[in-house]
Amino acid sequence: MGTTLRPVRDEDHDALFAWQRDPPAVRMAAFTREDPDDRAAFDAHQHRVRADPAVRHRAIERDGVLVGTVAAFTVEGEREVTSWVDPARWGEGIASEALRLLLAEELQRPVHGRVAADNVASRSVLERNGFRVVGQDAGWAAGRRAEVAELVLRLDG
């Protein structure tokens, strides 16, 4: 069966919330919600994202089991991608495969990805899918409660 994508459903929210509040995952991702433990804010965000036709938000399944999410969305006129995988499943290639599948649906180019500069794993996921570093930035990272250096990557046509 392998890795597949499908629309995110209400029944996915409990698992997604748990994964997105995992302290090591929050620290690694850095650019997270202000309070990862705020379930009401999480639910409001999920419903807003799922209702927006400009957002391509997909659940990732591996062999029929929910293991994460991957999404494409627009920020300030630029298309971006993001993913989140169950921390217990890190290192299995799930994010790389899910991004490959999403990019087959998401045809707009260029598309961007942003990662904390020290997040080697997420950078590798993007680079395995053809993204290249095109810039640097820095911004407030709620997941670390600090200003964090960020790499900007882009996938062209």
N, C-alpha and C. Protein backbone atom coordinates (compact mmCIF):
# COMPACT_ATOMS: atom_id res chain seq x y z
N MET A 1 0.83 -1.20 0.00
CA MET A 1 0.00 0.00 0.00
C MET A 1 0.87 1.26 0.00
N GLY A 2 1.84 1.31 0.90
CA GLY A 2 2.76 2.44 0.92
C GLY A 2 2.17 3.73 1.45
N THR A 3 2.72 4.84 0.98
CA THR A 3 2.30 6.17 1.42
C THR A 3 1.25 6.72 0.48
N THR A 4 0.16 7.22 1.06
CA THR A 4 -0.92 7.83 0.28
C THR A 4 -1.35 9.12 0.95
N LEU A 5 -2.01 9.98 0.17
CA LEU A 5 -2.58 11.22 0.69
C LEU A 5 -4.08 11.17 0.56
N ARG A 6 -4.76 11.84 1.49
CA ARG A 6 -6.21 11.99 1.44
C ARG A 6 -6.57 13.28 2.15
N PRO A 7 -7.81 13.77 1.98
CA PRO A 7 -8.21 14.96 2.73
C PRO A 7 -8.15 14.72 4.25
N VAL A 8 -7.82 15.76 5.00
CA VAL A 8 -7.83 15.69 6.46
C VAL A 8 -9.30 15.63 6.90
N ARG A 9 -9.56 14.81 7.91
CA ARG A 9 -10.92 14.65 8.44
C ARG A 9 -10.96 15.03 9.92
N ASP A 10 -12.16 15.33 10.41
CA ASP A 10 -12.32 15.68 11.83
C ASP A 10 -11.70 14.65 12.75
N GLU A 11 -11.88 13.37 12.43
CA GLU A 11 -11.37 12.33 13.32
C GLU A 11 -9.84 12.27 13.36
N ASP A 12 -9.16 13.00 12.50
CA ASP A 12 -7.70 13.07 12.52
C ASP A 12 -7.18 14.04 13.57
N HIS A 13 -8.03 14.96 14.01
CA HIS A 13 -7.57 16.08 14.83
C HIS A 13 -6.90 15.67 16.13
N ASP A 14 -7.39 14.65 16.82
CA ASP A 14 -6.78 14.27 18.10
C ASP A 14 -5.32 13.87 17.91
N ALA A 15 -5.05 13.04 16.91
CA ALA A 15 -3.67 12.61 16.66
C ALA A 15 -2.81 13.79 16.21
N LEU A 16 -3.33 14.62 15.30
CA LEU A 16 -2.55 15.77 14.81
C LEU A 16 -2.20 16.71 15.96
N PHE A 17 -3.17 16.96 16.83
CA PHE A 17 -2.94 17.83 17.97
C PHE A 17 -1.83 17.26 18.86
N ALA A 18 -1.89 15.97 19.14
CA ALA A 18 -0.88 15.34 20.00
C ALA A 18 0.50 15.47 19.38
N TRP A 19 0.62 15.21 18.08
CA TRP A 19 1.93 15.28 17.43
C TRP A 19 2.46 16.70 17.39
N GLN A 20 1.57 17.68 17.19
CA GLN A 20 1.99 19.06 17.05
C GLN A 20 2.23 19.74 18.38
N ARG A 21 2.09 19.02 19.47
CA ARG A 21 2.45 19.57 20.77
C ARG A 21 3.57 18.78 21.43
N ASP A 22 4.12 17.81 20.72
CA ASP A 22 5.25 17.03 21.21
C ASP A 22 6.46 17.96 21.36
N PRO A 23 7.00 18.12 22.59
CA PRO A 23 8.06 19.11 22.80
C PRO A 23 9.27 19.00 21.86
N PRO A 24 9.86 17.82 21.63
CA PRO A 24 10.98 17.78 20.69
C PRO A 24 10.57 18.18 19.26
N ALA A 25 9.36 17.81 18.85
CA ALA A 25 8.89 18.18 17.51
C ALA A 25 8.67 19.69 17.40
N VAL A 26 8.10 20.28 18.44
CA VAL A 26 7.87 21.73 18.45
C VAL A 26 9.21 22.46 18.38
N ARG A 27 10.17 22.00 19.15
CA ARG A 27 11.49 22.64 19.14
C ARG A 27 12.14 22.53 17.77
N MET A 28 12.08 21.34 17.16
CA MET A 28 12.71 21.16 15.86
C MET A 28 12.03 22.03 14.80
N ALA A 29 10.70 22.03 14.77
CA ALA A 29 9.97 22.81 13.77
C ALA A 29 10.18 24.31 13.99
N ALA A 30 10.24 24.72 15.23
CA ALA A 30 10.49 26.10 15.65
C ALA A 30 9.31 27.04 15.35
N PHE A 31 8.90 27.11 14.10
CA PHE A 31 7.85 28.05 13.70
C PHE A 31 6.49 27.36 13.82
N THR A 32 5.94 27.43 15.04
CA THR A 32 4.71 26.72 15.38
C THR A 32 3.67 27.71 15.90
N ARG A 33 2.54 27.16 16.32
CA ARG A 33 1.52 28.00 16.98
C ARG A 33 2.12 28.57 18.27
N GLU A 34 1.62 29.70 18.68
CA GLU A 34 2.13 30.37 19.89
C GLU A 34 2.06 29.44 21.10
N ASP A 35 0.93 28.74 21.28
CA ASP A 35 0.77 27.83 22.41
C ASP A 35 0.35 26.46 21.88
N PRO A 36 1.29 25.54 21.74
CA PRO A 36 0.95 24.23 21.19
C PRO A 36 -0.07 23.46 22.02
N ASP A 37 -0.28 23.83 23.28
CA ASP A 37 -1.23 23.14 24.14
C ASP A 37 -2.65 23.71 24.07
N ASP A 38 -2.86 24.76 23.27
CA ASP A 38 -4.17 25.40 23.15
C ASP A 38 -5.02 24.64 22.12
N ARG A 39 -5.86 23.73 22.60
CA ARG A 39 -6.66 22.91 21.71
C ARG A 39 -7.68 23.73 20.93
N ALA A 40 -8.27 24.74 21.55
CA ALA A 40 -9.26 25.56 20.85
C ALA A 40 -8.62 26.28 19.67
N ALA A 41 -7.41 26.81 19.85
CA ALA A 41 -6.71 27.49 18.75
C ALA A 41 -6.35 26.49 17.65
N PHE A 42 -5.92 25.30 18.04
CA PHE A 42 -5.61 24.26 17.06
C PHE A 42 -6.84 23.92 16.23
N ASP A 43 -7.97 23.65 16.91
CA ASP A 43 -9.19 23.28 16.19
C ASP A 43 -9.66 24.41 15.27
N ALA A 44 -9.60 25.65 15.74
CA ALA A 44 -10.01 26.79 14.91
C ALA A 44 -9.12 26.87 13.67
N HIS A 45 -7.82 26.68 13.83
CA HIS A 45 -6.90 26.72 12.70
C HIS A 45 -7.22 25.59 11.71
N GLN A 46 -7.42 24.39 12.21
CA GLN A 46 -7.72 23.26 11.34
C GLN A 46 -8.99 23.50 10.53
N HIS A 47 -10.02 24.01 11.17
CA HIS A 47 -11.28 24.25 10.46
C HIS A 47 -11.12 25.38 9.43
N ARG A 48 -10.35 26.40 9.77
CA ARG A 48 -10.10 27.51 8.84
C ARG A 48 -9.33 27.01 7.61
N VAL A 49 -8.30 26.23 7.85
CA VAL A 49 -7.47 25.71 6.76
C VAL A 49 -8.30 24.78 5.87
N ARG A 50 -9.07 23.90 6.47
CA ARG A 50 -9.84 22.94 5.69
C ARG A 50 -10.96 23.61 4.90
N ALA A 51 -11.41 24.78 5.34
CA ALA A 51 -12.48 25.49 4.63
C ALA A 51 -11.96 26.38 3.51
N ASP A 52 -10.66 26.58 3.44
CA ASP A 52 -10.06 27.48 2.46
C ASP A 52 -9.72 26.70 1.18
N PRO A 53 -10.40 27.00 0.07
CA PRO A 53 -10.14 26.25 -1.16
C PRO A 53 -8.74 26.49 -1.74
N ALA A 54 -8.05 27.53 -1.27
CA ALA A 54 -6.70 27.81 -1.76
C ALA A 54 -5.64 26.98 -1.02
N VAL A 55 -6.06 26.27 0.01
CA VAL A 55 -5.13 25.44 0.79
C VAL A 55 -5.34 23.98 0.40
N ARG A 56 -4.27 23.33 0.04
CA ARG A 56 -4.28 21.89 -0.27
C ARG A 56 -3.71 21.19 0.96
N HIS A 57 -4.59 20.73 1.84
CA HIS A 57 -4.20 20.15 3.13
C HIS A 57 -4.53 18.66 3.10
N ARG A 58 -3.51 17.81 3.21
CA ARG A 58 -3.69 16.37 3.05
C ARG A 58 -3.19 15.61 4.27
N ALA A 59 -3.93 14.59 4.64
CA ALA A 59 -3.48 13.63 5.63
C ALA A 59 -2.55 12.66 4.92
N ILE A 60 -1.51 12.25 5.63
CA ILE A 60 -0.58 11.25 5.11
C ILE A 60 -0.92 9.93 5.79
N GLU A 61 -1.10 8.89 4.99
CA GLU A 61 -1.28 7.55 5.53
C GLU A 61 -0.14 6.67 5.04
N ARG A 62 0.34 5.81 5.91
CA ARG A 62 1.32 4.79 5.53
C ARG A 62 0.66 3.45 5.83
N ASP A 63 0.45 2.67 4.79
CA ASP A 63 -0.22 1.37 4.90
C ASP A 63 -1.56 1.50 5.62
N GLY A 64 -2.31 2.57 5.29
CA GLY A 64 -3.64 2.78 5.83
C GLY A 64 -3.71 3.42 7.20
N VAL A 65 -2.56 3.77 7.79
CA VAL A 65 -2.52 4.37 9.13
C VAL A 65 -2.12 5.84 9.02
N LEU A 66 -2.87 6.72 9.69
CA LEU A 66 -2.54 8.15 9.71
C LEU A 66 -1.17 8.35 10.34
N VAL A 67 -0.28 9.06 9.62
CA VAL A 67 1.07 9.29 10.14
C VAL A 67 1.51 10.75 10.04
N GLY A 68 0.65 11.65 9.50
CA GLY A 68 1.05 13.05 9.41
C GLY A 68 0.18 13.84 8.47
N THR A 69 0.65 15.05 8.17
CA THR A 69 -0.02 15.93 7.21
C THR A 69 1.01 16.60 6.33
N VAL A 70 0.54 17.03 5.17
CA VAL A 70 1.35 17.80 4.24
C VAL A 70 0.40 18.80 3.60
N ALA A 71 0.89 20.00 3.31
CA ALA A 71 0.00 21.04 2.78
C ALA A 71 0.74 22.01 1.87
N ALA A 72 -0.04 22.63 0.99
CA ALA A 72 0.44 23.75 0.17
C ALA A 72 -0.54 24.89 0.40
N PHE A 73 -0.02 26.11 0.51
CA PHE A 73 -0.83 27.28 0.82
C PHE A 73 -0.11 28.51 0.28
N THR A 74 -0.80 29.64 0.28
CA THR A 74 -0.22 30.88 -0.24
C THR A 74 -0.01 31.88 0.89
N VAL A 75 1.19 32.45 0.93
CA VAL A 75 1.53 33.51 1.88
C VAL A 75 2.14 34.65 1.08
N GLU A 76 1.53 35.81 1.19
CA GLU A 76 2.03 37.01 0.51
C GLU A 76 2.31 36.73 -0.97
N GLY A 77 1.38 36.02 -1.62
CA GLY A 77 1.47 35.78 -3.05
C GLY A 77 2.38 34.65 -3.47
N GLU A 78 3.04 33.99 -2.52
CA GLU A 78 3.94 32.89 -2.85
C GLU A 78 3.37 31.58 -2.32
N ARG A 79 3.44 30.56 -3.14
CA ARG A 79 2.99 29.23 -2.74
C ARG A 79 4.06 28.58 -1.88
N GLU A 80 3.65 27.99 -0.74
CA GLU A 80 4.57 27.34 0.19
C GLU A 80 4.06 25.94 0.53
N VAL A 81 4.96 25.11 1.00
CA VAL A 81 4.60 23.78 1.46
C VAL A 81 5.06 23.58 2.90
N THR A 82 4.39 22.67 3.58
CA THR A 82 4.74 22.32 4.95
C THR A 82 4.34 20.87 5.20
N SER A 83 4.93 20.28 6.21
CA SER A 83 4.52 18.92 6.59
C SER A 83 4.74 18.73 8.08
N TRP A 84 4.06 17.74 8.63
CA TRP A 84 4.25 17.35 10.02
C TRP A 84 4.03 15.85 10.09
N VAL A 85 4.98 15.13 10.65
CA VAL A 85 4.89 13.68 10.74
C VAL A 85 4.94 13.26 12.21
N ASP A 86 4.18 12.24 12.53
CA ASP A 86 4.18 11.64 13.87
C ASP A 86 5.64 11.43 14.29
N PRO A 87 6.08 12.04 15.40
CA PRO A 87 7.48 11.90 15.81
C PRO A 87 7.92 10.44 15.97
N ALA A 88 7.00 9.55 16.30
CA ALA A 88 7.36 8.13 16.43
C ALA A 88 7.72 7.51 15.08
N ARG A 89 7.40 8.20 13.99
CA ARG A 89 7.64 7.68 12.64
C ARG A 89 8.76 8.42 11.91
N TRP A 90 9.47 9.32 12.60
CA TRP A 90 10.57 10.05 11.97
C TRP A 90 11.62 9.06 11.47
N GLY A 91 12.26 9.42 10.39
CA GLY A 91 13.33 8.61 9.86
C GLY A 91 12.89 7.51 8.90
N GLU A 92 11.60 7.44 8.61
CA GLU A 92 11.07 6.41 7.72
C GLU A 92 10.88 6.89 6.29
N GLY A 93 11.21 8.15 6.01
CA GLY A 93 11.04 8.68 4.65
C GLY A 93 9.63 9.13 4.34
N ILE A 94 8.78 9.21 5.35
CA ILE A 94 7.38 9.55 5.15
C ILE A 94 7.22 10.97 4.61
N ALA A 95 7.89 11.94 5.22
CA ALA A 95 7.74 13.34 4.79
C ALA A 95 8.22 13.52 3.36
N SER A 96 9.33 12.90 3.00
CA SER A 96 9.84 13.02 1.62
C SER A 96 8.86 12.45 0.61
N GLU A 97 8.33 11.27 0.90
CA GLU A 97 7.38 10.63 -0.02
C GLU A 97 6.07 11.43 -0.09
N ALA A 98 5.59 11.90 1.05
CA ALA A 98 4.35 12.68 1.07
C ALA A 98 4.51 13.98 0.29
N LEU A 99 5.65 14.64 0.44
CA LEU A 99 5.88 15.87 -0.32
C LEU A 99 5.93 15.57 -1.81
N ARG A 100 6.56 14.48 -2.20
CA ARG A 100 6.59 14.09 -3.61
C ARG A 100 5.16 13.91 -4.15
N LEU A 101 4.31 13.26 -3.37
CA LEU A 101 2.93 13.05 -3.79
C LEU A 101 2.16 14.37 -3.86
N LEU A 102 2.38 15.25 -2.88
CA LEU A 102 1.71 16.55 -2.90
C LEU A 102 2.14 17.36 -4.11
N LEU A 103 3.43 17.35 -4.42
CA LEU A 103 3.92 18.13 -5.56
C LEU A 103 3.38 17.61 -6.89
N ALA A 104 2.96 16.37 -6.95
CA ALA A 104 2.31 15.84 -8.15
C ALA A 104 0.91 16.42 -8.32
N GLU A 105 0.27 16.81 -7.20
CA GLU A 105 -1.05 17.47 -7.23
C GLU A 105 -0.91 18.97 -7.38
N GLU A 106 0.07 19.52 -6.72
CA GLU A 106 0.30 20.97 -6.63
C GLU A 106 1.21 21.38 -7.79
N LEU A 107 0.62 21.83 -8.87
CA LEU A 107 1.39 22.08 -10.08
C LEU A 107 1.96 23.50 -10.17
N GLN A 108 1.51 24.40 -9.32
CA GLN A 108 2.01 25.78 -9.38
C GLN A 108 3.49 25.82 -9.02
N ARG A 109 4.25 26.52 -9.81
CA ARG A 109 5.67 26.74 -9.55
C ARG A 109 5.97 28.21 -9.77
N PRO A 110 6.89 28.80 -9.09
CA PRO A 110 7.69 28.15 -8.07
C PRO A 110 6.86 27.89 -6.81
N VAL A 111 7.37 26.99 -5.98
CA VAL A 111 6.79 26.73 -4.67
C VAL A 111 7.95 26.79 -3.67
N HIS A 112 7.67 27.30 -2.50
CA HIS A 112 8.71 27.55 -1.49
C HIS A 112 8.54 26.65 -0.28
N GLY A 113 9.61 26.47 0.42
CA GLY A 113 9.61 25.81 1.72
C GLY A 113 10.52 26.60 2.64
N ARG A 114 10.17 26.65 3.90
CA ARG A 114 10.97 27.37 4.89
C ARG A 114 11.27 26.43 6.05
N VAL A 115 12.50 26.47 6.52
CA VAL A 115 12.89 25.62 7.65
C VAL A 115 13.83 26.40 8.56
N ALA A 116 13.77 26.07 9.85
CA ALA A 116 14.78 26.60 10.75
C ALA A 116 16.13 26.17 10.21
N ALA A 117 17.10 27.06 10.22
CA ALA A 117 18.39 26.80 9.59
C ALA A 117 19.07 25.55 10.16
N ASP A 118 18.80 25.21 11.41
CA ASP A 118 19.42 24.04 12.02
C ASP A 118 18.56 22.78 11.92
N ASN A 119 17.45 22.85 11.21
CA ASN A 119 16.56 21.70 11.05
C ASN A 119 17.00 20.90 9.82
N VAL A 120 18.03 20.11 10.00
CA VAL A 120 18.65 19.36 8.91
C VAL A 120 17.67 18.38 8.28
N ALA A 121 16.86 17.73 9.07
CA ALA A 121 15.93 16.72 8.55
C ALA A 121 14.91 17.35 7.60
N SER A 122 14.30 18.46 8.00
CA SER A 122 13.29 19.10 7.15
C SER A 122 13.93 19.70 5.89
N ARG A 123 15.10 20.23 6.04
CA ARG A 123 15.81 20.74 4.86
C ARG A 123 16.06 19.59 3.88
N SER A 124 16.46 18.46 4.39
CA SER A 124 16.73 17.30 3.55
C SER A 124 15.47 16.82 2.81
N VAL A 125 14.33 16.87 3.48
CA VAL A 125 13.06 16.49 2.84
C VAL A 125 12.83 17.37 1.62
N LEU A 126 13.00 18.66 1.78
CA LEU A 126 12.80 19.59 0.66
C LEU A 126 13.83 19.34 -0.45
N GLU A 127 15.09 19.22 -0.08
CA GLU A 127 16.13 19.03 -1.09
C GLU A 127 15.97 17.72 -1.86
N ARG A 128 15.51 16.67 -1.20
CA ARG A 128 15.25 15.40 -1.89
C ARG A 128 14.17 15.55 -2.96
N ASN A 129 13.34 16.58 -2.81
CA ASN A 129 12.26 16.83 -3.76
C ASN A 129 12.60 17.96 -4.73
N GLY A 130 13.87 18.32 -4.82
CA GLY A 130 14.32 19.28 -5.83
C GLY A 130 14.39 20.72 -5.39
N PHE A 131 14.05 21.03 -4.15
CA PHE A 131 14.14 22.40 -3.65
C PHE A 131 15.60 22.77 -3.45
N ARG A 132 15.91 24.05 -3.66
CA ARG A 132 17.26 24.57 -3.45
C ARG A 132 17.18 25.83 -2.58
N VAL A 133 18.19 26.02 -1.74
CA VAL A 133 18.24 27.20 -0.88
C VAL A 133 18.39 28.44 -1.76
N VAL A 134 17.51 29.41 -1.56
CA VAL A 134 17.55 30.66 -2.33
C VAL A 134 17.67 31.89 -1.44
N GLY A 135 17.63 31.69 -0.13
CA GLY A 135 17.74 32.84 0.75
C GLY A 135 17.71 32.45 2.22
N GLN A 136 17.90 33.48 3.04
CA GLN A 136 17.85 33.33 4.48
C GLN A 136 16.96 34.40 5.05
N ASP A 137 16.43 34.12 6.20
CA ASP A 137 15.57 35.05 6.90
C ASP A 137 15.74 34.76 8.39
N ALA A 138 15.09 35.51 9.20
CA ALA A 138 15.04 35.25 10.64
C ALA A 138 13.71 35.76 11.14
N GLY A 139 13.19 35.09 12.12
CA GLY A 139 11.91 35.52 12.67
C GLY A 139 11.65 34.89 14.01
N TRP A 140 10.61 35.40 14.66
CA TRP A 140 10.22 34.89 15.96
C TRP A 140 9.69 33.47 15.79
N ALA A 141 10.24 32.54 16.55
CA ALA A 141 9.83 31.14 16.51
C ALA A 141 9.19 30.79 17.85
N ALA A 142 7.88 30.67 17.84
CA ALA A 142 7.16 30.37 19.08
C ALA A 142 7.62 29.06 19.69
N GLY A 143 7.99 28.10 18.87
CA GLY A 143 8.42 26.80 19.37
C GLY A 143 9.71 26.84 20.15
N ARG A 144 10.46 27.93 20.01
CA ARG A 144 11.71 28.08 20.77
C ARG A 144 11.71 29.34 21.62
N ARG A 145 10.67 30.13 21.48
CA ARG A 145 10.58 31.39 22.22
C ARG A 145 11.81 32.25 21.99
N ALA A 146 12.21 32.34 20.71
CA ALA A 146 13.41 33.09 20.36
C ALA A 146 13.38 33.44 18.88
N GLU A 147 14.21 34.38 18.51
CA GLU A 147 14.46 34.68 17.10
C GLU A 147 15.30 33.54 16.54
N VAL A 148 14.90 33.02 15.37
CA VAL A 148 15.56 31.84 14.81
C VAL A 148 15.90 32.11 13.34
N ALA A 149 17.10 31.73 12.95
CA ALA A 149 17.51 31.82 11.54
C ALA A 149 16.71 30.79 10.74
N GLU A 150 16.33 31.20 9.55
CA GLU A 150 15.48 30.37 8.71
C GLU A 150 16.04 30.34 7.28
N LEU A 151 15.97 29.17 6.66
CA LEU A 151 16.37 29.04 5.26
C LEU A 151 15.11 29.05 4.40
N VAL A 152 15.21 29.72 3.26
CA VAL A 152 14.13 29.75 2.28
C VAL A 152 14.59 28.89 1.10
N LEU A 153 13.78 27.90 0.76
CA LEU A 153 14.09 27.01 -0.36
C LEU A 153 13.01 27.16 -1.42
N ARG A 154 13.37 26.89 -2.68
CA ARG A 154 12.40 27.06 -3.77
C ARG A 154 12.55 25.90 -4.76
N LEU A 155 11.40 25.50 -5.27
CA LEU A 155 11.35 24.53 -6.35
C LEU A 155 10.78 25.26 -7.56
N ASP A 156 11.57 25.34 -8.61
CA ASP A 156 11.13 25.99 -9.85
C ASP A 156 10.48 24.96 -10.77
N GLY A 157 9.99 25.47 -11.91
CA GLY A 157 9.32 24.62 -12.92
C GLY A 157 10.06 23.39 -13.20
